[in-house]
């Protein structure tokens, strides 16, 4: 998964945003399991950007709820 810009996140509908959040969180959990097992080598730099992308999407979701 590549980095997601805020512009792209703002263009997503609420349903698409929910799906994207769920898929990103499941990918993050898989990466965390691999990290705990010690088998995460090539993708070790993906965890932090993925966490930040999830935070951006959750922020946008909150903005949509408040509006």
PDB file of N, CA and C in Angstrom:
ATOM      1  N   UNK A   1       0.839  -1.174   0.000  1.00  0.00           N
ATOM      2  CA  UNK A   1       0.000   0.000   0.000  1.00  0.00           C
ATOM      3  C   UNK A   1       0.885   1.237   0.000  1.00  0.00           C
ATOM      4  N   UNK A   2       0.527   2.192  -0.817  1.00  0.00           N
ATOM      5  CA  UNK A   2       1.330   3.401  -0.905  1.00  0.00           C
ATOM      6  C   UNK A   2       0.720   4.502  -0.041  1.00  0.00           C
ATOM      7  N   UNK A   3       1.457   5.543   0.138  1.00  0.00           N
ATOM      8  CA  UNK A   3       0.995   6.674   0.938  1.00  0.00           C
ATOM      9  C   UNK A   3      -0.224   7.300   0.287  1.00  0.00           C
ATOM     10  N   UNK A   4      -1.139   7.775   1.106  1.00  0.00           N
ATOM     11  CA  UNK A   4      -2.369   8.395   0.613  1.00  0.00           C
ATOM     12  C   UNK A   4      -2.321   9.874   0.962  1.00  0.00           C
ATOM     13  N   UNK A   5      -2.564  10.714  -0.029  1.00  0.00           N
ATOM     14  CA  UNK A   5      -2.547  12.143   0.232  1.00  0.00           C
ATOM     15  C   UNK A   5      -3.889  12.574   0.814  1.00  0.00           C
ATOM     16  N   UNK A   6      -3.880  13.687   1.508  1.00  0.00           N
ATOM     17  CA  UNK A   6      -5.115  14.204   2.108  1.00  0.00           C
ATOM     18  C   UNK A   6      -6.110  14.593   1.021  1.00  0.00           C
ATOM     19  N   UNK A   7      -5.605  15.022  -0.113  1.00  0.00           N
ATOM     20  CA  UNK A   7      -6.486  15.375  -1.226  1.00  0.00           C
ATOM     21  C   UNK A   7      -7.278  14.148  -1.673  1.00  0.00           C
ATOM     22  N   UNK A   8      -6.620  13.023  -1.779  1.00  0.00           N
ATOM     23  CA  UNK A   8      -7.284  11.781  -2.171  1.00  0.00           C
ATOM     24  C   UNK A   8      -8.291  11.347  -1.116  1.00  0.00           C
ATOM     25  N   UNK A   9      -7.931  11.496   0.151  1.00  0.00           N
ATOM     26  CA  UNK A   9      -8.828  11.116   1.231  1.00  0.00           C
ATOM     27  C   UNK A   9     -10.088  11.971   1.216  1.00  0.00           C
ATOM     28  N   UNK A  10      -9.941  13.261   0.945  1.00  0.00           N
ATOM     29  CA  UNK A  10     -11.091  14.165   0.913  1.00  0.00           C
ATOM     30  C   UNK A  10     -12.052  13.833  -0.232  1.00  0.00           C
ATOM     31  N   UNK A  11     -11.551  13.213  -1.282  1.00  0.00           N
ATOM     32  CA  UNK A  11     -12.393  12.870  -2.428  1.00  0.00           C
ATOM     33  C   UNK A  11     -13.200  11.596  -2.210  1.00  0.00           C
ATOM     34  N   UNK A  12     -12.849  10.808  -1.193  1.00  0.00           N
ATOM     35  CA  UNK A  12     -13.544   9.544  -0.935  1.00  0.00           C
ATOM     36  C   UNK A  12     -14.902   9.789  -0.280  1.00  0.00           C
ATOM     37  N   UNK A  13     -15.861   8.940  -0.618  1.00  0.00           N
ATOM     38  CA  UNK A  13     -17.160   9.012   0.052  1.00  0.00           C
ATOM     39  C   UNK A  13     -17.031   8.366   1.427  1.00  0.00           C
ATOM     40  N   UNK A  14     -18.059   8.518   2.244  1.00  0.00           N
ATOM     41  CA  UNK A  14     -18.013   7.986   3.609  1.00  0.00           C
ATOM     42  C   UNK A  14     -17.881   6.471   3.600  1.00  0.00           C
ATOM     43  N   UNK A  15     -18.577   5.787   2.697  1.00  0.00           N
ATOM     44  CA  UNK A  15     -18.511   4.322   2.629  1.00  0.00           C
ATOM     45  C   UNK A  15     -17.137   3.852   2.169  1.00  0.00           C
ATOM     46  N   UNK A  16     -16.604   4.528   1.149  1.00  0.00           N
ATOM     47  CA  UNK A  16     -15.271   4.176   0.660  1.00  0.00           C
ATOM     48  C   UNK A  16     -14.217   4.416   1.736  1.00  0.00           C
ATOM     49  N   UNK A  17     -14.409   5.482   2.492  1.00  0.00           N
ATOM     50  CA  UNK A  17     -13.473   5.805   3.567  1.00  0.00           C
ATOM     51  C   UNK A  17     -13.502   4.721   4.638  1.00  0.00           C
ATOM     52  N   UNK A  18     -14.698   4.250   4.984  1.00  0.00           N
ATOM     53  CA  UNK A  18     -14.813   3.166   5.974  1.00  0.00           C
ATOM     54  C   UNK A  18     -14.105   1.906   5.487  1.00  0.00           C
ATOM     55  N   UNK A  19     -14.313   1.555   4.220  1.00  0.00           N
ATOM     56  CA  UNK A  19     -13.662   0.366   3.666  1.00  0.00           C
ATOM     57  C   UNK A  19     -12.139   0.514   3.671  1.00  0.00           C
ATOM     58  N   UNK A  20     -11.678   1.693   3.300  1.00  0.00           N
ATOM     59  CA  UNK A  20     -10.236   1.949   3.251  1.00  0.00           C
ATOM     60  C   UNK A  20      -9.617   1.872   4.651  1.00  0.00           C
ATOM     61  N   UNK A  21     -10.333   2.391   5.649  1.00  0.00           N
ATOM     62  CA  UNK A  21      -9.841   2.344   7.021  1.00  0.00           C
ATOM     63  C   UNK A  21      -9.742   0.895   7.483  1.00  0.00           C
ATOM     64  N   UNK A  22     -10.793   0.115   7.229  1.00  0.00           N
ATOM     65  CA  UNK A  22     -10.784  -1.290   7.654  1.00  0.00           C
ATOM     66  C   UNK A  22      -9.647  -2.069   6.998  1.00  0.00           C
ATOM     67  N   UNK A  23      -9.454  -1.868   5.695  1.00  0.00           N
ATOM     68  CA  UNK A  23      -8.395  -2.608   5.006  1.00  0.00           C
ATOM     69  C   UNK A  23      -7.015  -2.179   5.498  1.00  0.00           C
ATOM     70  N   UNK A  24      -6.847  -0.899   5.764  1.00  0.00           N
ATOM     71  CA  UNK A  24      -5.559  -0.405   6.262  1.00  0.00           C
ATOM     72  C   UNK A  24      -5.277  -0.928   7.661  1.00  0.00           C
ATOM     73  N   UNK A  25      -6.307  -0.981   8.506  1.00  0.00           N
ATOM     74  CA  UNK A  25      -6.109  -1.493   9.854  1.00  0.00           C
ATOM     75  C   UNK A  25      -5.781  -2.980   9.850  1.00  0.00           C
ATOM     76  N   UNK A  26      -6.402  -3.729   8.936  1.00  0.00           N
ATOM     77  CA  UNK A  26      -6.076  -5.149   8.866  1.00  0.00           C
ATOM     78  C   UNK A  26      -4.647  -5.357   8.359  1.00  0.00           C
ATOM     79  N   UNK A  27      -4.237  -4.532   7.404  1.00  0.00           N
ATOM     80  CA  UNK A  27      -2.856  -4.619   6.914  1.00  0.00           C
ATOM     81  C   UNK A  27      -1.866  -4.257   8.020  1.00  0.00           C
ATOM     82  N   UNK A  28      -2.213  -3.241   8.822  1.00  0.00           N
ATOM     83  CA  UNK A  28      -1.352  -2.849   9.928  1.00  0.00           C
ATOM     84  C   UNK A  28      -1.239  -3.966  10.958  1.00  0.00           C
ATOM     85  N   UNK A  29      -2.341  -4.637  11.233  1.00  0.00           N
ATOM     86  CA  UNK A  29      -2.278  -5.728  12.207  1.00  0.00           C
ATOM     87  C   UNK A  29      -1.409  -6.874  11.693  1.00  0.00           C
ATOM     88  N   UNK A  30      -1.471  -7.149  10.398  1.00  0.00           N
ATOM     89  CA  UNK A  30      -0.615  -8.184   9.817  1.00  0.00           C
ATOM     90  C   UNK A  30       0.858  -7.793   9.918  1.00  0.00           C
ATOM     91  N   UNK A  31       1.150  -6.520   9.649  1.00  0.00           N
ATOM     92  CA  UNK A  31       2.527  -6.048   9.753  1.00  0.00           C
ATOM     93  C   UNK A  31       3.021  -6.123  11.193  1.00  0.00           C
ATOM     94  N   UNK A  32       2.149  -5.820  12.146  1.00  0.00           N
ATOM     95  CA  UNK A  32       2.544  -5.882  13.553  1.00  0.00           C
ATOM     96  C   UNK A  32       2.825  -7.316  13.990  1.00  0.00           C
ATOM     97  N   UNK A  33       2.042  -8.268  13.476  1.00  0.00           N
ATOM     98  CA  UNK A  33       2.286  -9.677  13.787  1.00  0.00           C
ATOM     99  C   UNK A  33       3.642 -10.093  13.229  1.00  0.00           C
ATOM    100  N   UNK A  34       3.912  -9.721  11.978  1.00  0.00           N
ATOM    101  CA  UNK A  34       5.202 -10.049  11.371  1.00  0.00           C
ATOM    102  C   UNK A  34       6.350  -9.392  12.131  1.00  0.00           C
ATOM    103  N   UNK A  35       6.116  -8.164  12.599  1.00  0.00           N
ATOM    104  CA  UNK A  35       7.139  -7.460  13.361  1.00  0.00           C
ATOM    105  C   UNK A  35       7.422  -8.181  14.675  1.00  0.00           C
ATOM    106  N   UNK A  36       6.380  -8.662  15.316  1.00  0.00           N
ATOM    107  CA  UNK A  36       6.549  -9.380  16.588  1.00  0.00           C
ATOM    108  C   UNK A  36       7.250 -10.717  16.382  1.00  0.00           C
ATOM    109  N   UNK A  37       6.969 -11.373  15.249  1.00  0.00           N
ATOM    110  CA  UNK A  37       7.616 -12.653  14.960  1.00  0.00           C
ATOM    111  C   UNK A  37       9.064 -12.471  14.530  1.00  0.00           C
ATOM    112  N   UNK A  38       9.381 -11.287  14.049  1.00  0.00           N
ATOM    113  CA  UNK A  38      10.729 -11.026  13.588  1.00  0.00           C
ATOM    114  C   UNK A  38      10.934 -11.347  12.119  1.00  0.00           C
ATOM    115  N   UNK A  39       9.841 -11.529  11.369  1.00  0.00           N
ATOM    116  CA  UNK A  39       9.958 -11.864   9.954  1.00  0.00           C
ATOM    117  C   UNK A  39       9.765 -10.654   9.054  1.00  0.00           C
ATOM    118  N   UNK A  40       9.668  -9.473   9.633  1.00  0.00           N
ATOM    119  CA  UNK A  40       9.432  -8.260   8.857  1.00  0.00           C
ATOM    120  C   UNK A  40      10.775  -7.629   8.494  1.00  0.00           C
ATOM    121  N   UNK A  41      11.212  -7.824   7.270  1.00  0.00           N
ATOM    122  CA  UNK A  41      12.505  -7.288   6.852  1.00  0.00           C
ATOM    123  C   UNK A  41      12.339  -6.166   5.824  1.00  0.00           C
ATOM    124  N   UNK A  42      11.836  -6.521   4.653  1.00  0.00           N
ATOM    125  CA  UNK A  42      11.748  -5.538   3.572  1.00  0.00           C
ATOM    126  C   UNK A  42      10.699  -4.473   3.858  1.00  0.00           C
ATOM    127  N   UNK A  43       9.651  -4.823   4.591  1.00  0.00           N
ATOM    128  CA  UNK A  43       8.540  -3.905   4.797  1.00  0.00           C
ATOM    129  C   UNK A  43       8.605  -3.202   6.151  1.00  0.00           C
ATOM    130  N   UNK A  44       9.767  -3.151   6.750  1.00  0.00           N
ATOM    131  CA  UNK A  44       9.873  -2.564   8.085  1.00  0.00           C
ATOM    132  C   UNK A  44       9.584  -1.065   8.077  1.00  0.00           C
ATOM    133  N   UNK A  45       9.741  -0.413   6.965  1.00  0.00           N
ATOM    134  CA  UNK A  45       9.465   1.019   6.869  1.00  0.00           C
ATOM    135  C   UNK A  45       8.033   1.344   6.518  1.00  0.00           C
ATOM    136  N   UNK A  46       7.150   0.362   6.486  1.00  0.00           N
ATOM    137  CA  UNK A  46       5.762   0.592   6.118  1.00  0.00           C
ATOM    138  C   UNK A  46       4.858   0.869   7.301  1.00  0.00           C
ATOM    139  N   UNK A  47       5.284   0.509   8.494  1.00  0.00           N
ATOM    140  CA  UNK A  47       4.411   0.594   9.655  1.00  0.00           C
ATOM    141  C   UNK A  47       4.070   2.045   9.998  1.00  0.00           C
ATOM    142  N   UNK A  48       5.069   2.884  10.136  1.00  0.00           N
ATOM    143  CA  UNK A  48       4.836   4.266  10.546  1.00  0.00           C
ATOM    144  C   UNK A  48       4.011   5.050   9.524  1.00  0.00           C
ATOM    145  N   UNK A  49       4.322   4.997   8.220  1.00  0.00           N
ATOM    146  CA  UNK A  49       3.480   5.708   7.255  1.00  0.00           C
ATOM    147  C   UNK A  49       2.045   5.182   7.225  1.00  0.00           C
ATOM    148  N   UNK A  50       1.875   3.882   7.415  1.00  0.00           N
ATOM    149  CA  UNK A  50       0.530   3.303   7.422  1.00  0.00           C
ATOM    150  C   UNK A  50      -0.259   3.805   8.624  1.00  0.00           C
ATOM    151  N   UNK A  51       0.381   3.894   9.769  1.00  0.00           N
ATOM    152  CA  UNK A  51      -0.288   4.429  10.960  1.00  0.00           C
ATOM    153  C   UNK A  51      -0.724   5.871  10.733  1.00  0.00           C
ATOM    154  N   UNK A  52       0.111   6.643  10.085  1.00  0.00           N
ATOM    155  CA  UNK A  52      -0.217   8.048   9.827  1.00  0.00           C
ATOM    156  C   UNK A  52      -1.352   8.180   8.809  1.00  0.00           C
ATOM    157  N   UNK A  53      -1.357   7.296   7.807  1.00  0.00           N
ATOM    158  CA  UNK A  53      -2.453   7.316   6.830  1.00  0.00           C
ATOM    159  C   UNK A  53      -3.774   6.974   7.503  1.00  0.00           C
ATOM    160  N   UNK A  54      -3.751   6.000   8.397  1.00  0.00           N
ATOM    161  CA  UNK A  54      -4.967   5.637   9.130  1.00  0.00           C
ATOM    162  C   UNK A  54      -5.431   6.821   9.974  1.00  0.00           C
ATOM    163  N   UNK A  55      -4.509   7.507  10.599  1.00  0.00           N
ATOM    164  CA  UNK A  55      -4.863   8.680  11.408  1.00  0.00           C
ATOM    165  C   UNK A  55      -5.489   9.765  10.545  1.00  0.00           C
ATOM    166  N   UNK A  56      -4.958   9.976   9.343  1.00  0.00           N
ATOM    167  CA  UNK A  56      -5.535  10.965   8.430  1.00  0.00           C
ATOM    168  C   UNK A  56      -6.963  10.591   8.040  1.00  0.00           C
ATOM    169  N   UNK A  57      -7.159   9.307   7.757  1.00  0.00           N
ATOM    170  CA  UNK A  57      -8.490   8.852   7.359  1.00  0.00           C
ATOM    171  C   UNK A  57      -9.478   8.962   8.516  1.00  0.00           C
ATOM    172  N   UNK A  58      -9.034   8.645   9.730  1.00  0.00           N
ATOM    173  CA  UNK A  58      -9.910   8.767  10.886  1.00  0.00           C
ATOM    174  C   UNK A  58     -10.243  10.231  11.167  1.00  0.00           C
ATOM    175  N   UNK A  59      -9.291  11.120  10.939  1.00  0.00           N
ATOM    176  CA  UNK A  59      -9.535  12.544  11.103  1.00  0.00           C
ATOM    177  C   UNK A  59     -10.593  13.017  10.113  1.00  0.00           C
ATOM    178  N   UNK A  60     -10.478  12.583   8.873  1.00  0.00           N
ATOM    179  CA  UNK A  60     -11.464  12.961   7.858  1.00  0.00           C
ATOM    180  C   UNK A  60     -12.841  12.397   8.203  1.00  0.00           C
ATOM    181  N   UNK A  61     -12.868  11.176   8.724  1.00  0.00           N
ATOM    182  CA  UNK A  61     -14.137  10.559   9.118  1.00  0.00           C
ATOM    183  C   UNK A  61     -14.803  11.383  10.226  1.00  0.00           C
ATOM    184  N   UNK A  62     -14.018  11.862  11.168  1.00  0.00           N
ATOM    185  CA  UNK A  62     -14.545  12.710  12.244  1.00  0.00           C
ATOM    186  C   UNK A  62     -15.064  14.020  11.682  1.00  0.00           C
ATOM    187  N   UNK A  63     -14.343  14.601  10.720  1.00  0.00           N
ATOM    188  CA  UNK A  63     -14.791  15.852  10.089  1.00  0.00           C
ATOM    189  C   UNK A  63     -16.136  15.646   9.408  1.00  0.00           C
ATOM    190  N   UNK A  64     -16.319  14.520   8.741  1.00  0.00           N
ATOM    191  CA  UNK A  64     -17.575  14.244   8.053  1.00  0.00           C
ATOM    192  C   UNK A  64     -18.718  14.067   9.053  1.00  0.00           C
ATOM    193  N   UNK A  65     -18.450  13.442  10.179  1.00  0.00           N
ATOM    194  CA  UNK A  65     -19.493  13.251  11.189  1.00  0.00           C
ATOM    195  C   UNK A  65     -19.928  14.564  11.800  1.00  0.00           C
ATOM    196  N   UNK A  66     -18.996  15.463  12.020  1.00  0.00           N
ATOM    197  CA  UNK A  66     -19.321  16.747  12.656  1.00  0.00           C
ATOM    198  C   UNK A  66     -20.013  17.713  11.707  1.00  0.00           C
ATOM    199  N   UNK A  67     -19.809  17.528  10.438  1.00  0.00           N
ATOM    200  CA  UNK A  67     -20.405  18.457   9.454  1.00  0.00           C
ATOM    201  C   UNK A  67     -21.858  18.140   9.191  1.00  0.00           C
TER     202      UNK A  67
END
